[in-house]
Amino acid sequence: MGNRCLDVPLALPPLRRRLLLLFIMLFLWLYMFYSCAGSCAARGSPVAKEEGSPGEQQQQQRGHPLPFPVAPSSPISSFFNGSGTKRLPQAIIIGVKKGGTRALLEFLRVHPDVRAVGAEPHFFDRNYERGLAWYRDLMPRTLEGQITMEKTPSYFVTKEAPARISSMAKGTKLIVVVRDPVTRAISDYTQTLSKKPDIPTFESLTFKNRTTGLIDTSWSAIQIGIYAKHLENWLLYFPIGQILFVSGERLISDPAGELGRVQDFLGLKRIITDKHFYFNKTKGFPCLKKAEGSSKPHCLGKTKGRTHPDIDQEVVQRLRDFYRPFNMKFYQMTGQDFGWD
């Protein structure tokens, strides 16, 4: 009778039987090799002792323990847990709110070498005390050569964010999507109005005193648009060449052109081109013919492209006059004329 467990493989054709045996041998060899590698690392190799990013080591040295132990990753663990390794982001979209950051991120995710977090982590403004290990755990797994990204628009106006990101990695590439500050402020107000219909009018919130025409710069919708002031804070920690400024207007009128600049800045091959976009006349902005991981067209959600309320044109002109000197300074600082005047 013999052992019936051997009947199935022996019944296979010779070629298939040889391939099956080769596969089993290869698997066993890989398993033994990486098991040995893992045990060697666990015995206290210098690499294992130095595990963790410079930022994580700094946190530990300063008396800020990491919330979770940082376990060394190995190819075999990556294989079984899903391909790739979780890494801290090499590039961050830091702003600005209502500038077009969501559109830029969705467009970038089409690129095969970009892996990004969908939700905004708000690590460097709201969750910094959780530590870098917590932050890294939010990131998607990446393969060698892929870029890890995230976007949180409020970073640009957060005073502590530049120092914190620099502490994580001085070489982090930063992207700022900017838009006409007057249009941006109205868009910001429109978003708030959709959630709180009983808020005061845009006109009344714009001024500290309507009679004197004094603009209320404490209102966040106005304050965010003073781009030059916020940029000064970032330039204390990052050189201007490490920050890319994307035009929110051109992201709508020429998405492929702006994405070309972004891909160059990130050191990526120009894969995202005109063929990836079509213009949605109803929404008034470009959409993707195929989204990441899908064969279907994709537009941003219904919360994007809201119709703005009619604003008193005198107030709009007052705001344009207010922002003009700040815009001119921003043009000089970035070396770009965004054409907002």
Protein backbone atom coordinates (compact mmCIF):
# COMPACT_ATOMS: atom_id res chain seq x y z
CA MET A 1 0.00 0.00 0.00
CA GLY A 2 2.69 2.51 0.99
CA ASN A 3 2.11 6.03 2.23
CA ARG A 4 -0.89 7.48 0.35
CA CYS A 5 0.27 11.01 1.14
CA LEU A 6 2.91 10.60 -1.55
CA ASP A 7 0.46 9.43 -4.22
CA VAL A 8 -0.55 12.93 -5.40
CA PRO A 9 2.89 14.43 -6.07
CA LEU A 10 4.13 11.17 -7.64
CA ALA A 11 1.12 11.19 -9.98
CA LEU A 12 2.15 14.60 -11.34
CA PRO A 13 3.93 14.81 -14.71
CA PRO A 14 7.75 14.74 -14.30
CA LEU A 15 8.23 18.42 -15.20
CA ARG A 16 5.59 19.69 -12.81
CA ARG A 17 6.89 17.38 -10.06
CA ARG A 18 10.40 18.84 -10.45
CA LEU A 19 9.06 22.42 -10.35
CA LEU A 20 7.09 21.65 -7.20
CA LEU A 21 10.16 20.18 -5.49
CA LEU A 22 12.27 23.18 -6.53
CA PHE A 23 9.67 25.56 -5.10
CA ILE A 24 9.58 23.68 -1.78
CA MET A 25 13.38 23.66 -1.56
CA LEU A 26 13.59 27.38 -2.37
CA PHE A 27 10.98 28.22 0.26
CA LEU A 28 12.80 26.18 2.93
CA TRP A 29 16.12 27.83 2.01
CA LEU A 30 14.65 31.33 2.28
CA TYR A 31 12.98 30.48 5.57
CA MET A 32 16.22 29.20 7.11
CA PHE A 33 18.28 32.09 5.73
CA TYR A 34 16.04 34.85 7.09
CA SER A 35 15.43 33.03 10.37
CA CYS A 36 19.19 32.95 10.88
CA ALA A 37 19.49 36.61 9.89
CA GLY A 38 16.77 37.58 12.34
CA SER A 39 18.27 35.63 15.22
CA CYS A 40 21.72 37.10 14.53
CA ALA A 41 20.27 40.62 14.68
CA ALA A 42 18.46 39.80 17.93
CA ARG A 43 21.77 38.77 19.55
CA GLY A 44 22.81 42.41 19.63
CA SER A 45 24.43 43.31 16.35
CA PRO A 46 25.43 46.97 15.99
CA VAL A 47 22.62 47.50 13.47
CA ALA A 48 19.99 46.27 15.91
CA LYS A 49 21.31 48.50 18.67
CA GLU A 50 21.18 51.58 16.45
CA GLU A 51 17.62 50.87 15.24
CA GLY A 52 15.40 53.92 14.89
CA SER A 53 15.56 57.17 12.97
CA PRO A 54 17.70 60.10 14.18
CA GLY A 55 14.52 61.88 15.26
CA GLU A 56 13.44 58.90 17.35
CA GLN A 57 16.90 58.67 18.95
CA GLN A 58 16.76 62.39 19.75
CA GLN A 59 13.38 61.97 21.41
CA GLN A 60 14.71 59.17 23.58
CA GLN A 61 17.84 61.17 24.48
CA ARG A 62 15.68 64.14 25.50
CA GLY A 63 13.72 61.98 27.90
CA HIS A 64 10.69 61.48 25.62
CA PRO A 65 10.20 57.73 25.44
CA LEU A 66 8.64 56.41 22.27
CA PRO A 67 5.07 55.16 22.78
CA PHE A 68 5.89 51.77 21.22
CA PRO A 69 9.16 49.80 20.98
CA VAL A 70 10.70 50.10 17.54
CA ALA A 71 11.21 46.59 16.25
CA PRO A 72 13.76 46.02 13.51
CA SER A 73 12.15 45.02 10.23
CA SER A 74 13.45 42.22 8.04
CA PRO A 75 12.68 41.11 4.49
CA ILE A 76 10.97 37.94 5.74
CA SER A 77 8.64 39.89 8.07
CA SER A 78 7.88 42.32 5.25
CA PHE A 79 7.06 39.36 3.01
CA PHE A 80 4.52 37.87 5.43
CA ASN A 81 3.04 41.18 6.67
CA GLY A 82 2.53 42.71 3.24
CA SER A 83 5.20 43.97 0.87
CA GLY A 84 7.34 46.89 1.93
CA THR A 85 8.32 48.72 5.09
CA LYS A 86 6.72 51.58 6.99
CA ARG A 87 8.92 54.66 6.80
CA LEU A 88 8.69 58.24 7.99
CA PRO A 89 7.63 60.53 5.11
CA GLN A 90 10.30 61.91 2.82
CA ALA A 91 7.87 64.57 1.52
CA ILE A 92 4.97 66.42 3.15
CA ILE A 93 2.26 68.67 1.69
CA ILE A 94 2.24 71.28 4.47
CA GLY A 95 -0.41 73.69 3.17
CA VAL A 96 -2.51 75.57 2.58
CA LYS A 97 -6.08 74.95 3.64
CA LYS A 98 -8.55 75.33 0.72
CA GLY A 99 -5.63 75.73 -1.67
CA GLY A 100 -5.98 72.43 -3.53
CA THR A 101 -4.00 70.06 -1.30
CA ARG A 102 -6.53 67.22 -1.55
CA ALA A 103 -6.54 67.42 -5.35
CA LEU A 104 -2.74 67.39 -5.47
CA LEU A 105 -2.50 64.36 -3.18
CA GLU A 106 -5.13 62.40 -5.11
CA PHE A 107 -3.37 63.20 -8.40
CA LEU A 108 0.04 62.20 -6.99
CA ARG A 109 -1.25 58.86 -5.72
CA VAL A 110 -1.68 57.77 -9.33
CA HIS A 111 2.11 57.56 -9.55
CA PRO A 112 3.35 54.02 -8.82
CA ASP A 113 6.31 55.35 -6.80
CA VAL A 114 4.19 57.47 -4.45
CA ARG A 115 2.51 55.99 -1.38
CA ALA A 116 0.54 58.37 0.81
CA VAL A 117 -1.71 58.44 3.86
CA GLY A 118 -5.30 59.22 2.89
CA ALA A 119 -6.41 60.96 6.10
CA GLU A 120 -4.58 63.97 7.52
CA PRO A 121 -2.35 62.76 10.42
CA HIS A 122 -2.05 66.21 12.09
CA PHE A 123 1.07 64.88 13.80
CA PHE A 124 3.20 68.03 13.88
CA ASP A 125 0.38 70.25 15.15
CA ARG A 126 -2.01 68.15 17.27
CA ASN A 127 -0.47 64.73 17.96
CA TYR A 128 3.24 65.41 18.41
CA GLU A 129 3.30 64.05 21.96
CA ARG A 130 2.41 60.59 20.59
CA GLY A 131 5.93 60.23 19.19
CA LEU A 132 7.53 59.34 15.89
CA ALA A 133 6.85 55.62 16.24
CA TRP A 134 3.11 56.33 16.36
CA TYR A 135 3.47 58.63 13.35
CA ARG A 136 5.43 56.08 11.34
CA ASP A 137 2.84 53.41 12.09
CA LEU A 138 0.25 55.53 10.25
CA MET A 139 2.31 55.41 7.05
CA PRO A 140 1.67 52.94 4.22
CA ARG A 141 4.25 50.29 3.43
CA THR A 142 6.69 51.22 0.69
CA LEU A 143 9.19 49.34 -1.41
CA GLU A 144 12.74 50.48 -2.14
CA GLY A 145 12.60 53.54 -4.41
CA GLN A 146 9.05 54.56 -3.44
CA ILE A 147 8.27 57.83 -1.64
CA THR A 148 6.17 58.03 1.52
CA MET A 149 4.00 61.16 1.76
CA GLU A 150 1.32 62.78 3.87
CA LYS A 151 -0.59 66.05 3.76
CA THR A 152 -1.85 68.24 6.59
CA PRO A 153 -2.57 71.82 5.40
CA SER A 154 -2.59 73.31 8.88
CA TYR A 155 1.16 72.66 9.27
CA PHE A 156 1.94 75.78 7.21
CA VAL A 157 0.38 78.09 9.83
CA THR A 158 1.55 76.12 12.89
CA LYS A 159 4.46 77.92 14.56
CA GLU A 160 6.05 74.74 15.98
CA ALA A 161 5.75 72.63 12.81
CA PRO A 162 8.97 73.72 10.99
CA ALA A 163 11.24 72.91 13.95
CA ARG A 164 9.49 69.60 14.56
CA ILE A 165 9.72 68.45 10.94
CA SER A 166 13.36 69.56 10.78
CA SER A 167 14.04 67.54 13.94
CA MET A 168 12.56 64.45 12.26
CA ALA A 169 14.62 64.88 9.07
CA LYS A 170 16.26 68.07 7.80
CA GLY A 171 16.08 66.77 4.24
CA THR A 172 12.28 66.43 4.18
CA LYS A 173 10.84 67.90 0.98
CA LEU A 174 7.95 70.30 1.54
CA ILE A 175 5.11 71.21 -0.81
CA VAL A 176 2.83 74.24 -0.40
CA VAL A 177 -0.26 74.66 -2.59
CA VAL A 178 -1.17 78.36 -2.63
CA ARG A 179 -4.18 80.14 -4.07
CA ASP A 180 -5.37 83.74 -4.42
CA PRO A 181 -5.76 84.62 -0.71
CA VAL A 182 -9.06 86.44 -1.27
CA THR A 183 -10.62 83.49 -3.11
CA ARG A 184 -9.10 81.14 -0.54
CA ALA A 185 -10.68 83.10 2.34
CA ILE A 186 -14.12 83.00 0.67
CA SER A 187 -13.72 79.25 0.06
CA ASP A 188 -12.73 78.77 3.71
CA TYR A 189 -15.82 80.69 4.82
CA THR A 190 -18.01 78.67 2.44
CA GLN A 191 -16.80 75.43 3.99
CA THR A 192 -17.56 76.69 7.51
CA LEU A 193 -20.96 78.00 6.38
CA SER A 194 -21.92 74.54 5.09
CA LYS A 195 -21.34 73.16 8.61
CA LYS A 196 -22.65 76.14 10.60
CA PRO A 197 -25.37 77.96 8.61
CA ASP A 198 -25.98 80.46 11.42
CA ILE A 199 -22.50 82.05 11.44
CA PRO A 200 -22.20 85.81 10.75
CA THR A 201 -21.75 87.08 7.20
CA PHE A 202 -18.37 87.05 5.50
CA GLU A 203 -18.43 90.86 5.39
CA SER A 204 -18.97 91.25 9.13
CA LEU A 205 -16.21 88.74 9.98
CA THR A 206 -13.70 90.42 7.65
CA PHE A 207 -13.51 93.71 9.54
CA LYS A 208 -12.73 94.64 13.10
CA ASN A 209 -14.50 97.87 12.25
CA ARG A 210 -16.45 98.14 8.99
CA THR A 211 -16.51 101.94 9.17
CA THR A 212 -12.72 102.35 9.41
CA GLY A 213 -12.09 99.38 7.10
CA LEU A 214 -9.67 97.74 9.56
CA ILE A 215 -9.22 94.09 8.54
CA ASP A 216 -9.52 91.49 11.31
CA THR A 217 -6.30 89.50 10.89
CA SER A 218 -7.18 87.34 13.90
CA TRP A 219 -9.85 85.59 11.84
CA SER A 220 -8.20 82.42 10.55
CA ALA A 221 -9.78 82.74 7.10
CA ILE A 222 -7.88 86.03 6.67
CA GLN A 223 -4.75 85.11 8.63
CA ILE A 224 -3.92 81.96 6.63
CA GLY A 225 -3.62 84.00 3.40
CA ILE A 226 -0.74 86.14 4.70
CA TYR A 227 1.62 83.62 3.09
CA ALA A 228 4.81 85.69 3.39
CA LYS A 229 4.49 85.88 7.18
CA HIS A 230 4.13 82.11 7.56
CA LEU A 231 6.90 81.36 5.06
CA GLU A 232 9.39 83.42 7.10
CA ASN A 233 8.98 80.91 9.92
CA TRP A 234 9.71 77.95 7.62
CA LEU A 235 12.80 79.58 6.16
CA LEU A 236 14.37 79.58 9.62
CA TYR A 237 14.63 75.79 9.32
CA PHE A 238 14.50 74.91 5.61
CA PRO A 239 16.21 76.43 2.54
CA ILE A 240 13.83 77.85 -0.06
CA GLY A 241 15.00 75.24 -2.58
CA GLN A 242 13.60 72.50 -0.36
CA ILE A 243 10.08 73.92 -0.62
CA LEU A 244 7.97 73.65 -3.79
CA PHE A 245 5.16 76.15 -4.29
CA VAL A 246 2.28 74.84 -6.39
CA SER A 247 -0.28 77.23 -7.88
CA GLY A 248 -3.81 76.22 -6.92
CA GLU A 249 -5.09 78.05 -10.00
CA ARG A 250 -2.74 76.24 -12.39
CA LEU A 251 -3.57 72.95 -10.69
CA ILE A 252 -7.06 73.50 -12.14
CA SER A 253 -6.16 75.03 -15.51
CA ASP A 254 -3.10 72.85 -16.22
CA PRO A 255 -2.96 69.90 -13.80
CA ALA A 256 -0.45 67.95 -15.89
CA GLY A 257 1.92 70.93 -16.00
CA GLU A 258 1.86 71.42 -12.23
CA LEU A 259 2.16 67.66 -11.62
CA GLY A 260 5.20 67.66 -13.91
CA ARG A 261 6.89 70.20 -11.64
CA VAL A 262 5.96 68.19 -8.55
CA GLN A 263 7.30 64.95 -10.01
CA ASP A 264 10.57 66.66 -10.92
CA PHE A 265 10.84 68.12 -7.41
CA LEU A 266 10.34 64.69 -5.85
CA GLY A 267 12.86 63.09 -8.20
CA LEU A 268 10.20 60.95 -9.87
CA LYS A 269 9.85 59.92 -13.48
CA ARG A 270 7.17 62.00 -15.23
CA ILE A 271 4.44 59.39 -15.42
CA ILE A 272 1.39 61.55 -14.63
CA THR A 273 0.59 63.48 -17.82
CA ASP A 274 -2.35 64.98 -19.75
CA LYS A 275 -3.69 61.52 -20.53
CA HIS A 276 -4.62 61.05 -16.85
CA PHE A 277 -7.07 63.99 -16.67
CA TYR A 278 -10.38 65.19 -18.01
CA PHE A 279 -12.17 68.44 -17.14
CA ASN A 280 -15.48 68.17 -15.29
CA LYS A 281 -17.55 71.19 -16.36
CA THR A 282 -20.12 70.65 -13.61
CA LYS A 283 -17.57 70.81 -10.80
CA GLY A 284 -15.30 73.24 -12.58
CA PHE A 285 -12.05 71.37 -12.03
CA PRO A 286 -10.09 68.43 -13.48
CA CYS A 287 -10.77 64.82 -12.53
CA LEU A 288 -8.79 61.63 -12.94
CA LYS A 289 -9.66 59.23 -15.73
CA LYS A 290 -8.45 56.42 -13.50
CA ALA A 291 -7.90 56.72 -9.76
CA GLU A 292 -5.29 54.82 -7.75
CA GLY A 293 -6.16 51.12 -7.75
CA SER A 294 -9.23 51.60 -9.94
CA SER A 295 -10.15 51.54 -13.61
CA LYS A 296 -12.99 54.04 -13.14
CA PRO A 297 -12.96 57.85 -13.47
CA HIS A 298 -12.62 59.69 -10.18
CA CYS A 299 -13.55 63.24 -9.11
CA LEU A 300 -13.08 64.74 -5.69
CA GLY A 301 -16.08 64.48 -3.34
CA LYS A 302 -19.16 66.68 -3.27
CA THR A 303 -17.56 68.86 -0.56
CA LYS A 304 -15.14 70.13 -3.23
CA GLY A 305 -16.21 72.75 -5.74
CA ARG A 306 -18.97 74.29 -3.61
CA THR A 307 -20.65 77.40 -5.00
CA HIS A 308 -19.39 80.49 -3.17
CA PRO A 309 -21.88 82.98 -1.74
CA ASP A 310 -22.06 86.43 -3.32
CA ILE A 311 -19.72 88.75 -1.47
CA ASP A 312 -19.95 92.55 -1.48
CA GLN A 313 -17.47 93.65 -4.15
CA GLU A 314 -16.34 96.58 -2.06
CA VAL A 315 -15.25 94.12 0.63
CA VAL A 316 -13.48 91.97 -1.97
CA GLN A 317 -11.58 95.04 -3.19
CA ARG A 318 -10.65 96.03 0.38
CA LEU A 319 -9.21 92.53 0.87
CA ARG A 320 -7.27 92.71 -2.40
CA ASP A 321 -5.73 96.00 -1.26
CA PHE A 322 -4.91 94.47 2.13
CA TYR A 323 -3.20 91.37 0.68
CA ARG A 324 -1.31 93.15 -2.14
CA PRO A 325 1.89 94.05 -0.19
CA PHE A 326 2.01 90.58 1.37
CA ASN A 327 1.55 88.99 -2.05
CA MET A 328 4.37 91.09 -3.52
CA LYS A 329 6.68 90.02 -0.72
CA PHE A 330 5.66 86.38 -1.21
CA TYR A 331 6.47 86.64 -4.95
CA GLN A 332 9.93 87.97 -4.08
CA MET A 333 10.58 85.26 -1.49
CA THR A 334 9.56 82.41 -3.78
CA GLY A 335 10.77 83.85 -7.09
CA GLN A 336 7.33 83.22 -8.59
CA ASP A 337 4.58 85.60 -9.69
CA PHE A 338 1.25 83.89 -9.04
CA GLY A 339 -0.74 86.62 -10.78
CA TRP A 340 -3.21 87.29 -8.01
CA ASP A 341 -3.37 91.00 -8.81
